[in-house]
Amino acid sequence: MRKALTGPEFLLWERLKLRLADGLVFKRQHALGPYILDFYCFRARLVVEVDGAVHGEDAQAAKDAARDAWLRGQGLEVYRIPAAEVYNDVDGVADGVRLLAVERMAGLGK
């Protein structure tokens, strides 16, 4: 079951779902193992997480580190973006995510 997107997740999703050039397709709230990923690009093996203020707290930071380690163990790259950055420049963030995905695909030989 999908949870409601947070404000910055919604803003970013509105842009990522439109960026389908170069075969990039992003899924939102994609289930993988024990986790629900904010966004996932299968071809680039890229996980995008939008982090609100709670992610700076010690307990959440430890959970995030364990999650990231598990995802890296699956051969994925995790890209964390502060929610404030999305609010400040959502188009720039979306373009950066797309560029990272294109670079990852090139590195993976796709």
PDB file of N, CA and C in Angstrom:
ATOM      1  N   MET A   1       0.836  -1.180   0.000  1.00  0.00           N
ATOM      2  CA  MET A   1       0.000   0.000   0.000  1.00  0.00           C
ATOM      3  C   MET A   1       0.882   1.245   0.000  1.00  0.00           C
ATOM      4  N   ARG A   2       0.567   2.167  -0.856  1.00  0.00           N
ATOM      5  CA  ARG A   2       1.345   3.402  -0.935  1.00  0.00           C
ATOM      6  C   ARG A   2       0.923   4.384   0.134  1.00  0.00           C
ATOM      7  N   LYS A   3       1.905   5.079   0.663  1.00  0.00           N
ATOM      8  CA  LYS A   3       1.610   6.161   1.591  1.00  0.00           C
ATOM      9  C   LYS A   3       1.505   7.449   0.771  1.00  0.00           C
ATOM     10  N   ALA A   4       0.899   8.452   1.350  1.00  0.00           N
ATOM     11  CA  ALA A   4       0.802   9.738   0.664  1.00  0.00           C
ATOM     12  C   ALA A   4       2.206  10.323   0.512  1.00  0.00           C
ATOM     13  N   LEU A   5       2.452  10.937  -0.615  1.00  0.00           N
ATOM     14  CA  LEU A   5       3.741  11.587  -0.827  1.00  0.00           C
ATOM     15  C   LEU A   5       3.817  12.835   0.047  1.00  0.00           C
ATOM     16  N   THR A   6       5.010  13.108   0.551  1.00  0.00           N
ATOM     17  CA  THR A   6       5.221  14.369   1.260  1.00  0.00           C
ATOM     18  C   THR A   6       5.247  15.490   0.226  1.00  0.00           C
ATOM     19  N   GLY A   7       5.199  16.715   0.679  1.00  0.00           N
ATOM     20  CA  GLY A   7       5.223  17.859  -0.245  1.00  0.00           C
ATOM     21  C   GLY A   7       6.415  17.844  -1.195  1.00  0.00           C
ATOM     22  N   PRO A   8       7.643  17.723  -0.671  1.00  0.00           N
ATOM     23  CA  PRO A   8       8.788  17.714  -1.581  1.00  0.00           C
ATOM     24  C   PRO A   8       8.827  16.472  -2.478  1.00  0.00           C
ATOM     25  N   GLU A   9       8.367  15.328  -1.979  1.00  0.00           N
ATOM     26  CA  GLU A   9       8.304  14.131  -2.827  1.00  0.00           C
ATOM     27  C   GLU A   9       7.343  14.353  -3.991  1.00  0.00           C
ATOM     28  N   PHE A  10       6.192  14.961  -3.700  1.00  0.00           N
ATOM     29  CA  PHE A  10       5.206  15.243  -4.754  1.00  0.00           C
ATOM     30  C   PHE A  10       5.801  16.169  -5.802  1.00  0.00           C
ATOM     31  N   LEU A  11       6.461  17.241  -5.368  1.00  0.00           N
ATOM     32  CA  LEU A  11       7.056  18.187  -6.317  1.00  0.00           C
ATOM     33  C   LEU A  11       8.085  17.504  -7.211  1.00  0.00           C
ATOM     34  N   LEU A  12       8.937  16.684  -6.613  1.00  0.00           N
ATOM     35  CA  LEU A  12       9.960  15.993  -7.394  1.00  0.00           C
ATOM     36  C   LEU A  12       9.327  14.962  -8.324  1.00  0.00           C
ATOM     37  N   TRP A  13       8.337  14.228  -7.850  1.00  0.00           N
ATOM     38  CA  TRP A  13       7.661  13.228  -8.674  1.00  0.00           C
ATOM     39  C   TRP A  13       7.025  13.864  -9.904  1.00  0.00           C
ATOM     40  N   GLU A  14       6.439  15.030  -9.739  1.00  0.00           N
ATOM     41  CA  GLU A  14       5.810  15.722 -10.870  1.00  0.00           C
ATOM     42  C   GLU A  14       6.815  15.981 -11.986  1.00  0.00           C
ATOM     43  N   ARG A  15       8.074  16.125 -11.640  1.00  0.00           N
ATOM     44  CA  ARG A  15       9.106  16.361 -12.659  1.00  0.00           C
ATOM     45  C   ARG A  15       9.744  15.052 -13.137  1.00  0.00           C
ATOM     46  N   LEU A  16      10.025  14.139 -12.221  1.00  0.00           N
ATOM     47  CA  LEU A  16      10.687  12.894 -12.625  1.00  0.00           C
ATOM     48  C   LEU A  16       9.813  12.050 -13.546  1.00  0.00           C
ATOM     49  N   LYS A  17       8.520  12.045 -13.324  1.00  0.00           N
ATOM     50  CA  LYS A  17       7.657  11.218 -14.163  1.00  0.00           C
ATOM     51  C   LYS A  17       7.588  11.749 -15.586  1.00  0.00           C
ATOM     52  N   LEU A  18       7.985  12.993 -15.806  1.00  0.00           N
ATOM     53  CA  LEU A  18       7.990  13.584 -17.146  1.00  0.00           C
ATOM     54  C   LEU A  18       9.322  13.393 -17.853  1.00  0.00           C
ATOM     55  N   ARG A  19      10.343  13.011 -17.134  1.00  0.00           N
ATOM     56  CA  ARG A  19      11.685  12.893 -17.717  1.00  0.00           C
ATOM     57  C   ARG A  19      11.923  11.445 -18.151  1.00  0.00           C
ATOM     58  N   LEU A  20      11.456  11.129 -19.340  1.00  0.00           N
ATOM     59  CA  LEU A  20      11.561   9.759 -19.837  1.00  0.00           C
ATOM     60  C   LEU A  20      12.579   9.633 -20.965  1.00  0.00           C
ATOM     61  N   ALA A  21      13.360  10.695 -21.235  1.00  0.00           N
ATOM     62  CA  ALA A  21      14.381  10.645 -22.281  1.00  0.00           C
ATOM     63  C   ALA A  21      15.426   9.600 -21.905  1.00  0.00           C
ATOM     64  N   ASP A  22      16.074   9.072 -22.884  1.00  0.00           N
ATOM     65  CA  ASP A  22      17.162   8.097 -22.676  1.00  0.00           C
ATOM     66  C   ASP A  22      16.691   6.839 -21.959  1.00  0.00           C
ATOM     67  N   GLY A  23      15.411   6.554 -22.033  1.00  0.00           N
ATOM     68  CA  GLY A  23      14.893   5.339 -21.424  1.00  0.00           C
ATOM     69  C   GLY A  23      14.762   5.392 -19.916  1.00  0.00           C
ATOM     70  N   LEU A  24      14.849   6.579 -19.336  1.00  0.00           N
ATOM     71  CA  LEU A  24      14.738   6.710 -17.884  1.00  0.00           C
ATOM     72  C   LEU A  24      13.274   6.629 -17.466  1.00  0.00           C
ATOM     73  N   VAL A  25      12.992   5.681 -16.621  1.00  0.00           N
ATOM     74  CA  VAL A  25      11.658   5.552 -16.037  1.00  0.00           C
ATOM     75  C   VAL A  25      11.849   5.454 -14.539  1.00  0.00           C
ATOM     76  N   PHE A  26      11.202   6.350 -13.812  1.00  0.00           N
ATOM     77  CA  PHE A  26      11.269   6.345 -12.358  1.00  0.00           C
ATOM     78  C   PHE A  26       9.961   5.800 -11.808  1.00  0.00           C
ATOM     79  N   LYS A  27      10.080   4.971 -10.814  1.00  0.00           N
ATOM     80  CA  LYS A  27       8.933   4.455 -10.077  1.00  0.00           C
ATOM     81  C   LYS A  27       8.898   5.191  -8.743  1.00  0.00           C
ATOM     82  N   ARG A  28       7.703   5.458  -8.235  1.00  0.00           N
ATOM     83  CA  ARG A  28       7.604   6.073  -6.917  1.00  0.00           C
ATOM     84  C   ARG A  28       7.152   5.021  -5.926  1.00  0.00           C
ATOM     85  N   GLN A  29       7.642   5.136  -4.723  1.00  0.00           N
ATOM     86  CA  GLN A  29       7.308   4.220  -3.641  1.00  0.00           C
ATOM     87  C   GLN A  29       7.420   2.760  -4.087  1.00  0.00           C
ATOM     88  N   HIS A  30       8.591   2.441  -4.571  1.00  0.00           N
ATOM     89  CA  HIS A  30       8.895   1.101  -5.082  1.00  0.00           C
ATOM     90  C   HIS A  30       9.345   0.205  -3.922  1.00  0.00           C
ATOM     91  N   ALA A  31       8.695  -0.939  -3.776  1.00  0.00           N
ATOM     92  CA  ALA A  31       9.056  -1.893  -2.720  1.00  0.00           C
ATOM     93  C   ALA A  31      10.266  -2.715  -3.165  1.00  0.00           C
ATOM     94  N   LEU A  32      11.261  -2.793  -2.291  1.00  0.00           N
ATOM     95  CA  LEU A  32      12.452  -3.589  -2.573  1.00  0.00           C
ATOM     96  C   LEU A  32      12.937  -4.169  -1.249  1.00  0.00           C
ATOM     97  N   GLY A  33      12.920  -5.492  -1.156  1.00  0.00           N
ATOM     98  CA  GLY A  33      13.289  -6.128   0.103  1.00  0.00           C
ATOM     99  C   GLY A  33      12.394  -5.613   1.204  1.00  0.00           C
ATOM    100  N   PRO A  34      12.974  -5.245   2.331  1.00  0.00           N
ATOM    101  CA  PRO A  34      12.155  -4.767   3.454  1.00  0.00           C
ATOM    102  C   PRO A  34      11.832  -3.265   3.384  1.00  0.00           C
ATOM    103  N   TYR A  35      12.161  -2.611   2.274  1.00  0.00           N
ATOM    104  CA  TYR A  35      12.066  -1.157   2.200  1.00  0.00           C
ATOM    105  C   TYR A  35      11.097  -0.680   1.124  1.00  0.00           C
ATOM    106  N   ILE A  36      10.589   0.529   1.343  1.00  0.00           N
ATOM    107  CA  ILE A  36       9.827   1.245   0.327  1.00  0.00           C
ATOM    108  C   ILE A  36      10.697   2.435  -0.064  1.00  0.00           C
ATOM    109  N   LEU A  37      11.114   2.469  -1.320  1.00  0.00           N
ATOM    110  CA  LEU A  37      11.994   3.519  -1.814  1.00  0.00           C
ATOM    111  C   LEU A  37      11.158   4.706  -2.285  1.00  0.00           C
ATOM    112  N   ASP A  38      11.624   5.923  -2.002  1.00  0.00           N
ATOM    113  CA  ASP A  38      10.885   7.096  -2.476  1.00  0.00           C
ATOM    114  C   ASP A  38      10.767   7.032  -4.001  1.00  0.00           C
ATOM    115  N   PHE A  39      11.902   6.898  -4.685  1.00  0.00           N
ATOM    116  CA  PHE A  39      11.936   6.805  -6.148  1.00  0.00           C
ATOM    117  C   PHE A  39      13.016   5.798  -6.549  1.00  0.00           C
ATOM    118  N   TYR A  40      12.764   5.112  -7.648  1.00  0.00           N
ATOM    119  CA  TYR A  40      13.720   4.106  -8.119  1.00  0.00           C
ATOM    120  C   TYR A  40      13.749   4.101  -9.638  1.00  0.00           C
ATOM    121  N   CYS A  41      14.965   4.141 -10.192  1.00  0.00           N
ATOM    122  CA  CYS A  41      15.175   4.018 -11.633  1.00  0.00           C
ATOM    123  C   CYS A  41      15.901   2.690 -11.866  1.00  0.00           C
ATOM    124  N   PHE A  42      15.156   1.711 -12.392  1.00  0.00           N
ATOM    125  CA  PHE A  42      15.675   0.361 -12.562  1.00  0.00           C
ATOM    126  C   PHE A  42      16.896   0.342 -13.485  1.00  0.00           C
ATOM    127  N   ARG A  43      16.786   0.973 -14.649  1.00  0.00           N
ATOM    128  CA  ARG A  43      17.895   0.906 -15.621  1.00  0.00           C
ATOM    129  C   ARG A  43      19.187   1.478 -15.060  1.00  0.00           C
ATOM    130  N   ALA A  44      19.088   2.516 -14.235  1.00  0.00           N
ATOM    131  CA  ALA A  44      20.283   3.135 -13.659  1.00  0.00           C
ATOM    132  C   ALA A  44      20.661   2.523 -12.311  1.00  0.00           C
ATOM    133  N   ARG A  45      19.784   1.647 -11.783  1.00  0.00           N
ATOM    134  CA  ARG A  45      19.995   1.052 -10.463  1.00  0.00           C
ATOM    135  C   ARG A  45      20.236   2.154  -9.433  1.00  0.00           C
ATOM    136  N   LEU A  46      19.355   3.170  -9.491  1.00  0.00           N
ATOM    137  CA  LEU A  46      19.475   4.372  -8.673  1.00  0.00           C
ATOM    138  C   LEU A  46      18.251   4.538  -7.780  1.00  0.00           C
ATOM    139  N   VAL A  47      18.515   4.695  -6.498  1.00  0.00           N
ATOM    140  CA  VAL A  47      17.487   4.978  -5.494  1.00  0.00           C
ATOM    141  C   VAL A  47      17.602   6.451  -5.130  1.00  0.00           C
ATOM    142  N   VAL A  48      16.473   7.149  -5.127  1.00  0.00           N
ATOM    143  CA  VAL A  48      16.451   8.561  -4.753  1.00  0.00           C
ATOM    144  C   VAL A  48      15.559   8.703  -3.519  1.00  0.00           C
ATOM    145  N   GLU A  49      16.124   9.246  -2.457  1.00  0.00           N
ATOM    146  CA  GLU A  49      15.410   9.452  -1.206  1.00  0.00           C
ATOM    147  C   GLU A  49      15.364  10.939  -0.887  1.00  0.00           C
ATOM    148  N   VAL A  50      14.182  11.444  -0.579  1.00  0.00           N
ATOM    149  CA  VAL A  50      14.008  12.828  -0.159  1.00  0.00           C
ATOM    150  C   VAL A  50      13.917  12.831   1.363  1.00  0.00           C
ATOM    151  N   ASP A  51      14.865  13.508   1.996  1.00  0.00           N
ATOM    152  CA  ASP A  51      14.995  13.467   3.448  1.00  0.00           C
ATOM    153  C   ASP A  51      14.488  14.747   4.097  1.00  0.00           C
ATOM    154  N   GLY A  52      13.512  14.597   4.974  1.00  0.00           N
ATOM    155  CA  GLY A  52      13.022  15.698   5.789  1.00  0.00           C
ATOM    156  C   GLY A  52      13.890  15.864   7.026  1.00  0.00           C
ATOM    157  N   ALA A  53      13.475  16.757   7.910  1.00  0.00           N
ATOM    158  CA  ALA A  53      14.264  17.104   9.090  1.00  0.00           C
ATOM    159  C   ALA A  53      14.536  15.911  10.002  1.00  0.00           C
ATOM    160  N   VAL A  54      13.620  14.955  10.066  1.00  0.00           N
ATOM    161  CA  VAL A  54      13.783  13.806  10.969  1.00  0.00           C
ATOM    162  C   VAL A  54      15.023  12.980  10.615  1.00  0.00           C
ATOM    163  N   HIS A  55      15.475  13.060   9.384  1.00  0.00           N
ATOM    164  CA  HIS A  55      16.634  12.264   8.960  1.00  0.00           C
ATOM    165  C   HIS A  55      17.943  12.754   9.580  1.00  0.00           C
ATOM    166  N   GLY A  56      17.918  13.946  10.173  1.00  0.00           N
ATOM    167  CA  GLY A  56      19.102  14.450  10.859  1.00  0.00           C
ATOM    168  C   GLY A  56      19.215  13.970  12.294  1.00  0.00           C
ATOM    169  N   GLU A  57      18.162  13.353  12.810  1.00  0.00           N
ATOM    170  CA  GLU A  57      18.188  12.845  14.179  1.00  0.00           C
ATOM    171  C   GLU A  57      18.988  11.544  14.241  1.00  0.00           C
ATOM    172  N   ASP A  58      19.666  11.325  15.357  1.00  0.00           N
ATOM    173  CA  ASP A  58      20.577  10.189  15.495  1.00  0.00           C
ATOM    174  C   ASP A  58      19.917   8.841  15.193  1.00  0.00           C
ATOM    175  N   ALA A  59      18.743   8.606  15.761  1.00  0.00           N
ATOM    176  CA  ALA A  59      18.083   7.310  15.569  1.00  0.00           C
ATOM    177  C   ALA A  59      17.744   7.090  14.105  1.00  0.00           C
ATOM    178  N   GLN A  60      17.232   8.108  13.444  1.00  0.00           N
ATOM    179  CA  GLN A  60      16.872   7.965  12.029  1.00  0.00           C
ATOM    180  C   GLN A  60      18.114   7.860  11.155  1.00  0.00           C
ATOM    181  N   ALA A  61      19.154   8.604  11.501  1.00  0.00           N
ATOM    182  CA  ALA A  61      20.407   8.531  10.742  1.00  0.00           C
ATOM    183  C   ALA A  61      20.979   7.117  10.781  1.00  0.00           C
ATOM    184  N   ALA A  62      20.884   6.462  11.931  1.00  0.00           N
ATOM    185  CA  ALA A  62      21.370   5.079  12.044  1.00  0.00           C
ATOM    186  C   ALA A  62      20.534   4.138  11.173  1.00  0.00           C
ATOM    187  N   LYS A  63      19.219   4.320  11.168  1.00  0.00           N
ATOM    188  CA  LYS A  63      18.349   3.500  10.312  1.00  0.00           C
ATOM    189  C   LYS A  63      18.664   3.743   8.843  1.00  0.00           C
ATOM    190  N   ASP A  64      18.871   5.020   8.482  1.00  0.00           N
ATOM    191  CA  ASP A  64      19.200   5.352   7.095  1.00  0.00           C
ATOM    192  C   ASP A  64      20.517   4.708   6.669  1.00  0.00           C
ATOM    193  N   ALA A  65      21.506   4.713   7.558  1.00  0.00           N
ATOM    194  CA  ALA A  65      22.813   4.115   7.241  1.00  0.00           C
ATOM    195  C   ALA A  65      22.673   2.616   7.005  1.00  0.00           C
ATOM    196  N   ALA A  66      21.897   1.945   7.845  1.00  0.00           N
ATOM    197  CA  ALA A  66      21.685   0.500   7.663  1.00  0.00           C
ATOM    198  C   ALA A  66      20.942   0.221   6.362  1.00  0.00           C
ATOM    199  N   ARG A  67      19.946   1.015   6.079  1.00  0.00           N
ATOM    200  CA  ARG A  67      19.165   0.876   4.844  1.00  0.00           C
ATOM    201  C   ARG A  67      20.055   1.083   3.618  1.00  0.00           C
ATOM    202  N   ASP A  68      20.854   2.167   3.652  1.00  0.00           N
ATOM    203  CA  ASP A  68      21.742   2.466   2.528  1.00  0.00           C
ATOM    204  C   ASP A  68      22.750   1.345   2.307  1.00  0.00           C
ATOM    205  N   ALA A  69      23.280   0.801   3.395  1.00  0.00           N
ATOM    206  CA  ALA A  69      24.245  -0.305   3.279  1.00  0.00           C
ATOM    207  C   ALA A  69      23.583  -1.514   2.630  1.00  0.00           C
ATOM    208  N   TRP A  70      22.360  -1.821   3.039  1.00  0.00           N
ATOM    209  CA  TRP A  70      21.647  -2.956   2.446  1.00  0.00           C
ATOM    210  C   TRP A  70      21.410  -2.712   0.955  1.00  0.00           C
ATOM    211  N   LEU A  71      20.988  -1.515   0.600  1.00  0.00           N
ATOM    212  CA  LEU A  71      20.723  -1.196  -0.805  1.00  0.00           C
ATOM    213  C   LEU A  71      22.010  -1.242  -1.634  1.00  0.00           C
ATOM    214  N   ARG A  72      23.102  -0.709  -1.084  1.00  0.00           N
ATOM    215  CA  ARG A  72      24.389  -0.794  -1.800  1.00  0.00           C
ATOM    216  C   ARG A  72      24.798  -2.245  -1.993  1.00  0.00           C
ATOM    217  N   GLY A  73      24.495  -3.086  -1.020  1.00  0.00           N
ATOM    218  CA  GLY A  73      24.776  -4.513  -1.137  1.00  0.00           C
ATOM    219  C   GLY A  73      23.994  -5.178  -2.264  1.00  0.00           C
ATOM    220  N   GLN A  74      22.918  -4.542  -2.685  1.00  0.00           N
ATOM    221  CA  GLN A  74      22.125  -5.035  -3.818  1.00  0.00           C
ATOM    222  C   GLN A  74      22.619  -4.446  -5.136  1.00  0.00           C
ATOM    223  N   GLY A  75      23.727  -3.679  -5.089  1.00  0.00           N
ATOM    224  CA  GLY A  75      24.291  -3.074  -6.298  1.00  0.00           C
ATOM    225  C   GLY A  75      23.626  -1.767  -6.698  1.00  0.00           C
ATOM    226  N   LEU A  76      22.965  -1.123  -5.761  1.00  0.00           N
ATOM    227  CA  LEU A  76      22.260   0.124  -6.050  1.00  0.00           C
ATOM    228  C   LEU A  76      23.020   1.313  -5.503  1.00  0.00           C
ATOM    229  N   GLU A  77      22.846   2.444  -6.142  1.00  0.00           N
ATOM    230  CA  GLU A  77      23.368   3.699  -5.607  1.00  0.00           C
ATOM    231  C   GLU A  77      22.208   4.420  -4.943  1.00  0.00           C
ATOM    232  N   VAL A  78      22.476   4.993  -3.777  1.00  0.00           N
ATOM    233  CA  VAL A  78      21.464   5.744  -3.044  1.00  0.00           C
ATOM    234  C   VAL A  78      21.848   7.221  -3.091  1.00  0.00           C
ATOM    235  N   TYR A  79      20.911   8.024  -3.554  1.00  0.00           N
ATOM    236  CA  TYR A  79      21.114   9.470  -3.636  1.00  0.00           C
ATOM    237  C   TYR A  79      20.094  10.130  -2.720  1.00  0.00           C
ATOM    238  N   ARG A  80      20.591  10.750  -1.650  1.00  0.00           N
ATOM    239  CA  ARG A  80      19.716  11.401  -0.675  1.00  0.00           C
ATOM    240  C   ARG A  80      19.707  12.902  -0.929  1.00  0.00           C
ATOM    241  N   ILE A  81      18.502  13.456  -0.937  1.00  0.00           N
ATOM    242  CA  ILE A  81      18.317  14.875  -1.210  1.00  0.00           C
ATOM    243  C   ILE A  81      17.552  15.490  -0.039  1.00  0.00           C
ATOM    244  N   PRO A  82      18.082  16.549   0.558  1.00  0.00           N
ATOM    245  CA  PRO A  82      17.324  17.222   1.618  1.00  0.00           C
ATOM    246  C   PRO A  82      16.035  17.837   1.058  1.00  0.00           C
ATOM    247  N   ALA A  83      14.957  17.704   1.803  1.00  0.00           N
ATOM    248  CA  ALA A  83      13.672  18.251   1.371  1.00  0.00           C
ATOM    249  C   ALA A  83      13.777  19.752   1.089  1.00  0.00           C
ATOM    250  N   ALA A  84      14.556  20.459   1.891  1.00  0.00           N
ATOM    251  CA  ALA A  84      14.712  21.905   1.698  1.00  0.00           C
ATOM    252  C   ALA A  84      15.289  22.216   0.318  1.00  0.00           C
ATOM    253  N   GLU A  85      16.195  21.366  -0.167  1.00  0.00           N
ATOM    254  CA  GLU A  85      16.791  21.568  -1.491  1.00  0.00           C
ATOM    255  C   GLU A  85      15.731  21.412  -2.582  1.00  0.00           C
ATOM    256  N   VAL A  86      14.819  20.471  -2.398  1.00  0.00           N
ATOM    257  CA  VAL A  86      13.727  20.291  -3.362  1.00  0.00           C
ATOM    258  C   VAL A  86      12.853  21.529  -3.372  1.00  0.00           C
ATOM    259  N   TYR A  87      12.503  22.031  -2.210  1.00  0.00           N
ATOM    260  CA  TYR A  87      11.681  23.241  -2.136  1.00  0.00           C
ATOM    261  C   TYR A  87      12.380  24.438  -2.772  1.00  0.00           C
ATOM    262  N   ASN A  88      13.696  24.535  -2.587  1.00  0.00           N
ATOM    263  CA  ASN A  88      14.445  25.689  -3.102  1.00  0.00           C
ATOM    264  C   ASN A  88      14.633  25.672  -4.604  1.00  0.00           C
ATOM    265  N   ASP A  89      14.789  24.483  -5.201  1.00  0.00           N
ATOM    266  CA  ASP A  89      15.061  24.410  -6.645  1.00  0.00           C
ATOM    267  C   ASP A  89      14.676  23.040  -7.183  1.00  0.00           C
ATOM    268  N   VAL A  90      13.391  22.769  -7.235  1.00  0.00           N
ATOM    269  CA  VAL A  90      12.923  21.447  -7.638  1.00  0.00           C
ATOM    270  C   VAL A  90      13.352  21.103  -9.065  1.00  0.00           C
ATOM    271  N   ASP A  91      13.349  22.075  -9.962  1.00  0.00           N
ATOM    272  CA  ASP A  91      13.760  21.777 -11.337  1.00  0.00           C
ATOM    273  C   ASP A  91      15.240  21.419 -11.404  1.00  0.00           C
ATOM    274  N   GLY A  92      16.068  22.140 -10.660  1.00  0.00           N
ATOM    275  CA  GLY A  92      17.488  21.830 -10.622  1.00  0.00           C
ATOM    276  C   GLY A  92      17.751  20.460 -10.003  1.00  0.00           C
ATOM    277  N   VAL A  93      17.018  20.131  -8.957  1.00  0.00           N
ATOM    278  CA  VAL A  93      17.156  18.819  -8.320  1.00  0.00           C
ATOM    279  C   VAL A  93      16.752  17.720  -9.303  1.00  0.00           C
ATOM    280  N   ALA A  94      15.621  17.903  -9.980  1.00  0.00           N
ATOM    281  CA  ALA A  94      15.158  16.890 -10.940  1.00  0.00           C
ATOM    282  C   ALA A  94      16.157  16.722 -12.074  1.00  0.00           C
ATOM    283  N   ASP A  95      16.717  17.824 -12.550  1.00  0.00           N
ATOM    284  CA  ASP A  95      17.731  17.732 -13.609  1.00  0.00           C
ATOM    285  C   ASP A  95      18.972  17.006 -13.108  1.00  0.00           C
ATOM    286  N   GLY A  96      19.368  17.257 -11.850  1.00  0.00           N
ATOM    287  CA  GLY A  96      20.518  16.571 -11.271  1.00  0.00           C
ATOM    288  C   GLY A  96      20.280  15.081 -11.122  1.00  0.00           C
ATOM    289  N   VAL A  97      19.075  14.699 -10.719  1.00  0.00           N
ATOM    290  CA  VAL A  97      18.728  13.285 -10.601  1.00  0.00           C
ATOM    291  C   VAL A  97      18.804  12.629 -11.971  1.00  0.00           C
ATOM    292  N   ARG A  98      18.238  13.279 -12.967  1.00  0.00           N
ATOM    293  CA  ARG A  98      18.258  12.730 -14.323  1.00  0.00           C
ATOM    294  C   ARG A  98      19.697  12.567 -14.825  1.00  0.00           C
ATOM    295  N   LEU A  99      20.526  13.572 -14.618  1.00  0.00           N
ATOM    296  CA  LEU A  99      21.924  13.502 -15.046  1.00  0.00           C
ATOM    297  C   LEU A  99      22.653  12.359 -14.344  1.00  0.00           C
ATOM    298  N   LEU A 100      22.437  12.214 -13.054  1.00  0.00           N
ATOM    299  CA  LEU A 100      23.058  11.117 -12.316  1.00  0.00           C
ATOM    300  C   LEU A 100      22.615   9.767 -12.874  1.00  0.00           C
ATOM    301  N   ALA A 101      21.335   9.634 -13.179  1.00  0.00           N
ATOM    302  CA  ALA A 101      20.817   8.373 -13.734  1.00  0.00           C
ATOM    303  C   ALA A 101      21.449   8.083 -15.096  1.00  0.00           C
ATOM    304  N   VAL A 102      21.580   9.100 -15.939  1.00  0.00           N
ATOM    305  CA  VAL A 102      22.206   8.910 -17.259  1.00  0.00           C
ATOM    306  C   VAL A 102      23.663   8.479 -17.089  1.00  0.00           C
ATOM    307  N   GLU A 103      24.385   9.118 -16.173  1.00  0.00           N
ATOM    308  CA  GLU A 103      25.773   8.754 -15.919  1.00  0.00           C
ATOM    309  C   GLU A 103      25.880   7.322 -15.392  1.00  0.00           C
ATOM    310  N   ARG A 104      24.988   6.945 -14.495  1.00  0.00           N
ATOM    311  CA  ARG A 104      24.992   5.576 -13.965  1.00  0.00           C
ATOM    312  C   ARG A 104      24.733   4.568 -15.079  1.00  0.00           C
ATOM    313  N   MET A 105      23.768   4.866 -15.941  1.00  0.00           N
ATOM    314  CA  MET A 105      23.468   3.926 -17.045  1.00  0.00           C
ATOM    315  C   MET A 105      24.689   3.764 -17.946  1.00  0.00           C
ATOM    316  N   ALA A 106      25.385   4.858 -18.217  1.00  0.00           N
ATOM    317  CA  ALA A 106      26.582   4.783 -19.058  1.00  0.00           C
ATOM    318  C   ALA A 106      27.646   3.919 -18.378  1.00  0.00           C
ATOM    319  N   GLY A 107      27.802   4.101 -17.075  1.00  0.00           N
ATOM    320  CA  GLY A 107      28.781   3.310 -16.320  1.00  0.00           C
ATOM    321  C   GLY A 107      28.409   1.836 -16.238  1.00  0.00           C
ATOM    322  N   LEU A 108      27.128   1.541 -16.313  1.00  0.00           N
ATOM    323  CA  LEU A 108      26.656   0.160 -16.257  1.00  0.00           C
ATOM    324  C   LEU A 108      26.625  -0.479 -17.657  1.00  0.00           C
ATOM    325  N   GLY A 109      26.947   0.336 -18.673  1.00  0.00           N
ATOM    326  CA  GLY A 109      26.945  -0.177 -20.043  1.00  0.00           C
ATOM    327  C   GLY A 109      25.558  -0.345 -20.629  1.00  0.00           C
ATOM    328  N   LYS A 110      24.600   0.454 -20.169  1.00  0.00           N
ATOM    329  CA  LYS A 110      23.225   0.338 -20.665  1.00  0.00           C
ATOM    330  C   LYS A 110      22.934   1.425 -21.658  1.00  0.00           C
TER     331      LYS A 110
END
